[in-house]
Amino acid sequence: MAEKHYRSLAKAVSWRLTGSLDTLIITFLVTGKLKWAFTISGVELFTKIFLYYVHERVWHKINWGKIQPRPNYEI
């Protein structure tokens, strides 16, 4: 089954929002500085969306581990 580019992008954005929230919390707990936490999580939000999108599209082209659907023939 083919997957549209916008689906990969939506998955990348939703995953990074989750990951960036995690980064924000961890950075704040480690540094105690909310400004640093927002800065670091804000930067990594955009870089990791791009990296995830590219990663997702590369894996989409690799057939390893995929199963071809069988045609559904009715008798």
PDB file of N, CA and C in Angstrom:
ATOM      1  N   MET A   1       0.851  -1.172   0.000  1.00  0.00           N
ATOM      2  CA  MET A   1       0.000   0.000   0.000  1.00  0.00           C
ATOM      3  C   MET A   1       0.899   1.238   0.000  1.00  0.00           C
ATOM      4  N   ALA A   2       0.620   2.155  -0.874  1.00  0.00           N
ATOM      5  CA  ALA A   2       1.398   3.388  -0.971  1.00  0.00           C
ATOM      6  C   ALA A   2       0.986   4.356   0.125  1.00  0.00           C
ATOM      7  N   GLU A   3       1.944   5.164   0.513  1.00  0.00           N
ATOM      8  CA  GLU A   3       1.680   6.163   1.542  1.00  0.00           C
ATOM      9  C   GLU A   3       2.024   7.532   0.979  1.00  0.00           C
ATOM     10  N   LYS A   4       1.116   8.470   1.141  1.00  0.00           N
ATOM     11  CA  LYS A   4       1.316   9.821   0.628  1.00  0.00           C
ATOM     12  C   LYS A   4       2.365  10.556   1.462  1.00  0.00           C
ATOM     13  N   HIS A   5       3.031  11.520   0.827  1.00  0.00           N
ATOM     14  CA  HIS A   5       4.057  12.300   1.527  1.00  0.00           C
ATOM     15  C   HIS A   5       3.466  13.063   2.706  1.00  0.00           C
ATOM     16  N   TYR A   6       2.263  13.590   2.563  1.00  0.00           N
ATOM     17  CA  TYR A   6       1.675  14.369   3.656  1.00  0.00           C
ATOM     18  C   TYR A   6       1.387  13.498   4.877  1.00  0.00           C
ATOM     19  N   ARG A   7       1.143  12.200   4.671  1.00  0.00           N
ATOM     20  CA  ARG A   7       0.960  11.293   5.811  1.00  0.00           C
ATOM     21  C   ARG A   7       2.275  11.144   6.579  1.00  0.00           C
ATOM     22  N   SER A   8       3.376  10.979   5.849  1.00  0.00           N
ATOM     23  CA  SER A   8       4.689  10.883   6.497  1.00  0.00           C
ATOM     24  C   SER A   8       5.005  12.162   7.256  1.00  0.00           C
ATOM     25  N   LEU A   9       4.690  13.291   6.659  1.00  0.00           N
ATOM     26  CA  LEU A   9       4.943  14.571   7.321  1.00  0.00           C
ATOM     27  C   LEU A   9       4.077  14.726   8.569  1.00  0.00           C
ATOM     28  N   ALA A  10       2.807  14.344   8.503  1.00  0.00           N
ATOM     29  CA  ALA A  10       1.921  14.428   9.675  1.00  0.00           C
ATOM     30  C   ALA A  10       2.418  13.521  10.795  1.00  0.00           C
ATOM     31  N   LYS A  11       2.890  12.329  10.454  1.00  0.00           N
ATOM     32  CA  LYS A  11       3.436  11.421  11.454  1.00  0.00           C
ATOM     33  C   LYS A  11       4.695  12.017  12.091  1.00  0.00           C
ATOM     34  N   ALA A  12       5.540  12.636  11.269  1.00  0.00           N
ATOM     35  CA  ALA A  12       6.765  13.249  11.778  1.00  0.00           C
ATOM     36  C   ALA A  12       6.443  14.380  12.752  1.00  0.00           C
ATOM     37  N   VAL A  13       5.488  15.222  12.395  1.00  0.00           N
ATOM     38  CA  VAL A  13       5.127  16.358  13.255  1.00  0.00           C
ATOM     39  C   VAL A  13       4.510  15.878  14.567  1.00  0.00           C
ATOM     40  N   SER A  14       3.590  14.929  14.503  1.00  0.00           N
ATOM     41  CA  SER A  14       2.949  14.462  15.735  1.00  0.00           C
ATOM     42  C   SER A  14       3.950  13.765  16.649  1.00  0.00           C
ATOM     43  N   TRP A  15       4.857  12.994  16.075  1.00  0.00           N
ATOM     44  CA  TRP A  15       5.875  12.327  16.892  1.00  0.00           C
ATOM     45  C   TRP A  15       6.822  13.340  17.518  1.00  0.00           C
ATOM     46  N   ARG A  16       7.228  14.348  16.764  1.00  0.00           N
ATOM     47  CA  ARG A  16       8.168  15.340  17.293  1.00  0.00           C
ATOM     48  C   ARG A  16       7.537  16.222  18.346  1.00  0.00           C
ATOM     49  N   LEU A  17       6.271  16.518  18.237  1.00  0.00           N
ATOM     50  CA  LEU A  17       5.620  17.288  19.307  1.00  0.00           C
ATOM     51  C   LEU A  17       5.692  16.503  20.616  1.00  0.00           C
ATOM     52  N   THR A  18       5.457  15.201  20.529  1.00  0.00           N
ATOM     53  CA  THR A  18       5.566  14.346  21.709  1.00  0.00           C
ATOM     54  C   THR A  18       7.005  14.323  22.218  1.00  0.00           C
ATOM     55  N   GLY A  19       7.954  14.115  21.304  1.00  0.00           N
ATOM     56  CA  GLY A  19       9.366  14.063  21.687  1.00  0.00           C
ATOM     57  C   GLY A  19       9.875  15.384  22.222  1.00  0.00           C
ATOM     58  N   SER A  20       9.418  16.491  21.647  1.00  0.00           N
ATOM     59  CA  SER A  20       9.871  17.806  22.102  1.00  0.00           C
ATOM     60  C   SER A  20       9.325  18.139  23.483  1.00  0.00           C
ATOM     61  N   LEU A  21       8.123  17.698  23.773  1.00  0.00           N
ATOM     62  CA  LEU A  21       7.589  17.884  25.121  1.00  0.00           C
ATOM     63  C   LEU A  21       8.450  17.127  26.130  1.00  0.00           C
ATOM     64  N   ASP A  22       8.850  15.923  25.767  1.00  0.00           N
ATOM     65  CA  ASP A  22       9.741  15.128  26.602  1.00  0.00           C
ATOM     66  C   ASP A  22      11.074  15.853  26.808  1.00  0.00           C
ATOM     67  N   THR A  23      11.649  16.377  25.719  1.00  0.00           N
ATOM     68  CA  THR A  23      12.911  17.118  25.801  1.00  0.00           C
ATOM     69  C   THR A  23      12.771  18.355  26.677  1.00  0.00           C
ATOM     70  N   LEU A  24      11.656  19.056  26.534  1.00  0.00           N
ATOM     71  CA  LEU A  24      11.398  20.250  27.344  1.00  0.00           C
ATOM     72  C   LEU A  24      11.399  19.901  28.837  1.00  0.00           C
ATOM     73  N   ILE A  25      10.697  18.859  29.197  1.00  0.00           N
ATOM     74  CA  ILE A  25      10.600  18.459  30.607  1.00  0.00           C
ATOM     75  C   ILE A  25      11.962  18.019  31.142  1.00  0.00           C
ATOM     76  N   ILE A  26      12.653  17.170  30.379  1.00  0.00           N
ATOM     77  CA  ILE A  26      13.960  16.689  30.841  1.00  0.00           C
ATOM     78  C   ILE A  26      14.955  17.832  30.963  1.00  0.00           C
ATOM     79  N   THR A  27      14.995  18.724  29.968  1.00  0.00           N
ATOM     80  CA  THR A  27      15.928  19.854  30.010  1.00  0.00           C
ATOM     81  C   THR A  27      15.638  20.745  31.207  1.00  0.00           C
ATOM     82  N   PHE A  28      14.370  20.993  31.484  1.00  0.00           N
ATOM     83  CA  PHE A  28      14.026  21.812  32.643  1.00  0.00           C
ATOM     84  C   PHE A  28      14.437  21.131  33.944  1.00  0.00           C
ATOM     85  N   LEU A  29      14.195  19.824  34.029  1.00  0.00           N
ATOM     86  CA  LEU A  29      14.567  19.104  35.251  1.00  0.00           C
ATOM     87  C   LEU A  29      16.079  19.087  35.458  1.00  0.00           C
ATOM     88  N   VAL A  30      16.845  19.011  34.382  1.00  0.00           N
ATOM     89  CA  VAL A  30      18.306  18.963  34.492  1.00  0.00           C
ATOM     90  C   VAL A  30      18.890  20.347  34.754  1.00  0.00           C
ATOM     91  N   THR A  31      18.407  21.365  34.018  1.00  0.00           N
ATOM     92  CA  THR A  31      19.007  22.705  34.127  1.00  0.00           C
ATOM     93  C   THR A  31      18.281  23.612  35.111  1.00  0.00           C
ATOM     94  N   GLY A  32      16.994  23.384  35.305  1.00  0.00           N
ATOM     95  CA  GLY A  32      16.205  24.276  36.144  1.00  0.00           C
ATOM     96  C   GLY A  32      15.892  25.597  35.466  1.00  0.00           C
ATOM     97  N   LYS A  33      16.193  25.691  34.172  1.00  0.00           N
ATOM     98  CA  LYS A  33      15.991  26.943  33.437  1.00  0.00           C
ATOM     99  C   LYS A  33      14.963  26.717  32.340  1.00  0.00           C
ATOM    100  N   LEU A  34      13.815  27.372  32.490  1.00  0.00           N
ATOM    101  CA  LEU A  34      12.723  27.209  31.542  1.00  0.00           C
ATOM    102  C   LEU A  34      13.082  27.770  30.166  1.00  0.00           C
ATOM    103  N   LYS A  35      13.828  28.879  30.125  1.00  0.00           N
ATOM    104  CA  LYS A  35      14.220  29.476  28.846  1.00  0.00           C
ATOM    105  C   LYS A  35      15.091  28.500  28.057  1.00  0.00           C
ATOM    106  N   TRP A  36      16.042  27.860  28.702  1.00  0.00           N
ATOM    107  CA  TRP A  36      16.897  26.873  28.034  1.00  0.00           C
ATOM    108  C   TRP A  36      16.062  25.705  27.533  1.00  0.00           C
ATOM    109  N   ALA A  37      15.128  25.271  28.360  1.00  0.00           N
ATOM    110  CA  ALA A  37      14.280  24.130  27.996  1.00  0.00           C
ATOM    111  C   ALA A  37      13.489  24.432  26.726  1.00  0.00           C
ATOM    112  N   PHE A  38      12.892  25.612  26.649  1.00  0.00           N
ATOM    113  CA  PHE A  38      12.130  25.989  25.452  1.00  0.00           C
ATOM    114  C   PHE A  38      13.035  26.173  24.234  1.00  0.00           C
ATOM    115  N   THR A  39      14.216  26.743  24.433  1.00  0.00           N
ATOM    116  CA  THR A  39      15.147  26.951  23.324  1.00  0.00           C
ATOM    117  C   THR A  39      15.610  25.616  22.741  1.00  0.00           C
ATOM    118  N   ILE A  40      16.058  24.730  23.605  1.00  0.00           N
ATOM    119  CA  ILE A  40      16.555  23.431  23.138  1.00  0.00           C
ATOM    120  C   ILE A  40      15.444  22.620  22.490  1.00  0.00           C
ATOM    121  N   SER A  41      14.295  22.543  23.115  1.00  0.00           N
ATOM    122  CA  SER A  41      13.204  21.750  22.544  1.00  0.00           C
ATOM    123  C   SER A  41      12.667  22.385  21.267  1.00  0.00           C
ATOM    124  N   GLY A  42      12.718  23.698  21.163  1.00  0.00           N
ATOM    125  CA  GLY A  42      12.265  24.376  19.946  1.00  0.00           C
ATOM    126  C   GLY A  42      13.174  24.102  18.761  1.00  0.00           C
ATOM    127  N   VAL A  43      14.478  24.122  18.990  1.00  0.00           N
ATOM    128  CA  VAL A  43      15.428  23.851  17.918  1.00  0.00           C
ATOM    129  C   VAL A  43      15.312  22.407  17.456  1.00  0.00           C
ATOM    130  N   GLU A  44      15.308  21.469  18.402  1.00  0.00           N
ATOM    131  CA  GLU A  44      15.267  20.065  18.017  1.00  0.00           C
ATOM    132  C   GLU A  44      13.930  19.666  17.408  1.00  0.00           C
ATOM    133  N   LEU A  45      12.881  20.412  17.680  1.00  0.00           N
ATOM    134  CA  LEU A  45      11.583  20.136  17.066  1.00  0.00           C
ATOM    135  C   LEU A  45      11.699  20.162  15.545  1.00  0.00           C
ATOM    136  N   PHE A  46      12.311  21.211  15.007  1.00  0.00           N
ATOM    137  CA  PHE A  46      12.392  21.364  13.553  1.00  0.00           C
ATOM    138  C   PHE A  46      13.439  20.454  12.918  1.00  0.00           C
ATOM    139  N   THR A  47      14.596  20.310  13.550  1.00  0.00           N
ATOM    140  CA  THR A  47      15.624  19.447  12.958  1.00  0.00           C
ATOM    141  C   THR A  47      15.166  17.996  12.938  1.00  0.00           C
ATOM    142  N   LYS A  48      14.498  17.555  13.973  1.00  0.00           N
ATOM    143  CA  LYS A  48      14.095  16.151  14.037  1.00  0.00           C
ATOM    144  C   LYS A  48      12.850  15.855  13.202  1.00  0.00           C
ATOM    145  N   ILE A  49      12.004  16.839  12.950  1.00  0.00           N
ATOM    146  CA  ILE A  49      10.899  16.626  11.997  1.00  0.00           C
ATOM    147  C   ILE A  49      11.495  16.326  10.625  1.00  0.00           C
ATOM    148  N   PHE A  50      12.471  17.120  10.219  1.00  0.00           N
ATOM    149  CA  PHE A  50      13.109  16.912   8.924  1.00  0.00           C
ATOM    150  C   PHE A  50      13.783  15.538   8.860  1.00  0.00           C
ATOM    151  N   LEU A  51      14.545  15.192   9.881  1.00  0.00           N
ATOM    152  CA  LEU A  51      15.244  13.907   9.895  1.00  0.00           C
ATOM    153  C   LEU A  51      14.271  12.733   9.892  1.00  0.00           C
ATOM    154  N   TYR A  52      13.197  12.824  10.653  1.00  0.00           N
ATOM    155  CA  TYR A  52      12.212  11.744  10.694  1.00  0.00           C
ATOM    156  C   TYR A  52      11.526  11.594   9.341  1.00  0.00           C
ATOM    157  N   TYR A  53      11.183  12.697   8.717  1.00  0.00           N
ATOM    158  CA  TYR A  53      10.522  12.662   7.410  1.00  0.00           C
ATOM    159  C   TYR A  53      11.406  11.953   6.382  1.00  0.00           C
ATOM    160  N   VAL A  54      12.672  12.329   6.329  1.00  0.00           N
ATOM    161  CA  VAL A  54      13.599  11.691   5.395  1.00  0.00           C
ATOM    162  C   VAL A  54      13.730  10.203   5.727  1.00  0.00           C
ATOM    163  N   HIS A  55      13.878   9.877   6.996  1.00  0.00           N
ATOM    164  CA  HIS A  55      13.987   8.489   7.446  1.00  0.00           C
ATOM    165  C   HIS A  55      12.761   7.686   7.031  1.00  0.00           C
ATOM    166  N   GLU A  56      11.585   8.239   7.223  1.00  0.00           N
ATOM    167  CA  GLU A  56      10.322   7.581   6.880  1.00  0.00           C
ATOM    168  C   GLU A  56      10.224   7.326   5.371  1.00  0.00           C
ATOM    169  N   ARG A  57      10.614   8.301   4.557  1.00  0.00           N
ATOM    170  CA  ARG A  57      10.521   8.145   3.100  1.00  0.00           C
ATOM    171  C   ARG A  57      11.529   7.131   2.591  1.00  0.00           C
ATOM    172  N   VAL A  58      12.711   7.076   3.181  1.00  0.00           N
ATOM    173  CA  VAL A  58      13.699   6.076   2.777  1.00  0.00           C
ATOM    174  C   VAL A  58      13.172   4.682   3.092  1.00  0.00           C
ATOM    175  N   TRP A  59      12.647   4.489   4.298  1.00  0.00           N
ATOM    176  CA  TRP A  59      12.107   3.183   4.675  1.00  0.00           C
ATOM    177  C   TRP A  59      10.908   2.799   3.821  1.00  0.00           C
ATOM    178  N   HIS A  60      10.157   3.773   3.365  1.00  0.00           N
ATOM    179  CA  HIS A  60       9.008   3.484   2.502  1.00  0.00           C
ATOM    180  C   HIS A  60       9.455   2.833   1.191  1.00  0.00           C
ATOM    181  N   LYS A  61      10.653   3.169   0.722  1.00  0.00           N
ATOM    182  CA  LYS A  61      11.172   2.625  -0.529  1.00  0.00           C
ATOM    183  C   LYS A  61      11.816   1.245  -0.371  1.00  0.00           C
ATOM    184  N   ILE A  62      12.089   0.829   0.847  1.00  0.00           N
ATOM    185  CA  ILE A  62      12.742  -0.458   1.094  1.00  0.00           C
ATOM    186  C   ILE A  62      11.672  -1.539   1.213  1.00  0.00           C
ATOM    187  N   ASN A  63      11.797  -2.578   0.422  1.00  0.00           N
ATOM    188  CA  ASN A  63      10.796  -3.643   0.413  1.00  0.00           C
ATOM    189  C   ASN A  63      10.999  -4.684   1.510  1.00  0.00           C
ATOM    190  N   TRP A  64      12.136  -4.681   2.166  1.00  0.00           N
ATOM    191  CA  TRP A  64      12.445  -5.658   3.199  1.00  0.00           C
ATOM    192  C   TRP A  64      11.361  -5.659   4.284  1.00  0.00           C
ATOM    193  N   GLY A  65      10.799  -6.825   4.566  1.00  0.00           N
ATOM    194  CA  GLY A  65       9.800  -6.964   5.617  1.00  0.00           C
ATOM    195  C   GLY A  65       8.378  -6.632   5.198  1.00  0.00           C
ATOM    196  N   LYS A  66       8.183  -6.253   3.945  1.00  0.00           N
ATOM    197  CA  LYS A  66       6.837  -5.952   3.458  1.00  0.00           C
ATOM    198  C   LYS A  66       6.228  -7.213   2.854  1.00  0.00           C
ATOM    199  N   ILE A  67       4.937  -7.344   2.972  1.00  0.00           N
ATOM    200  CA  ILE A  67       4.217  -8.463   2.383  1.00  0.00           C
ATOM    201  C   ILE A  67       3.287  -7.907   1.317  1.00  0.00           C
ATOM    202  N   GLN A  68       3.369  -8.476   0.131  1.00  0.00           N
ATOM    203  CA  GLN A  68       2.494  -8.050  -0.954  1.00  0.00           C
ATOM    204  C   GLN A  68       1.081  -8.551  -0.673  1.00  0.00           C
ATOM    205  N   PRO A  69       0.075  -7.675  -0.763  1.00  0.00           N
ATOM    206  CA  PRO A  69      -1.298  -8.136  -0.545  1.00  0.00           C
ATOM    207  C   PRO A  69      -1.722  -9.097  -1.657  1.00  0.00           C
ATOM    208  N   ARG A  70      -2.458 -10.108  -1.280  1.00  0.00           N
ATOM    209  CA  ARG A  70      -2.983 -11.059  -2.263  1.00  0.00           C
ATOM    210  C   ARG A  70      -4.203 -10.479  -2.954  1.00  0.00           C
ATOM    211  N   PRO A  71      -4.328 -10.743  -4.249  1.00  0.00           N
ATOM    212  CA  PRO A  71      -5.545 -10.290  -4.938  1.00  0.00           C
ATOM    213  C   PRO A  71      -6.754 -11.037  -4.380  1.00  0.00           C
ATOM    214  N   ASN A  72      -7.839 -10.339  -4.276  1.00  0.00           N
ATOM    215  CA  ASN A  72      -9.053 -10.939  -3.735  1.00  0.00           C
ATOM    216  C   ASN A  72      -9.947 -11.349  -4.911  1.00  0.00           C
ATOM    217  N   TYR A  73      -9.828 -12.606  -5.312  1.00  0.00           N
ATOM    218  CA  TYR A  73     -10.621 -13.112  -6.413  1.00  0.00           C
ATOM    219  C   TYR A  73     -11.863 -13.818  -5.862  1.00  0.00           C
ATOM    220  N   GLU A  74     -13.006 -13.399  -6.330  1.00  0.00           N
ATOM    221  CA  GLU A  74     -14.245 -14.053  -5.909  1.00  0.00           C
ATOM    222  C   GLU A  74     -14.652 -15.076  -6.954  1.00  0.00           C
ATOM    223  N   ILE A  75     -15.117 -16.226  -6.504  1.00  0.00           N
ATOM    224  CA  ILE A  75     -15.501 -17.303  -7.426  1.00  0.00           C
ATOM    225  C   ILE A  75     -16.993 -17.278  -7.635  1.00  0.00           C
TER     226      ILE A  75
END
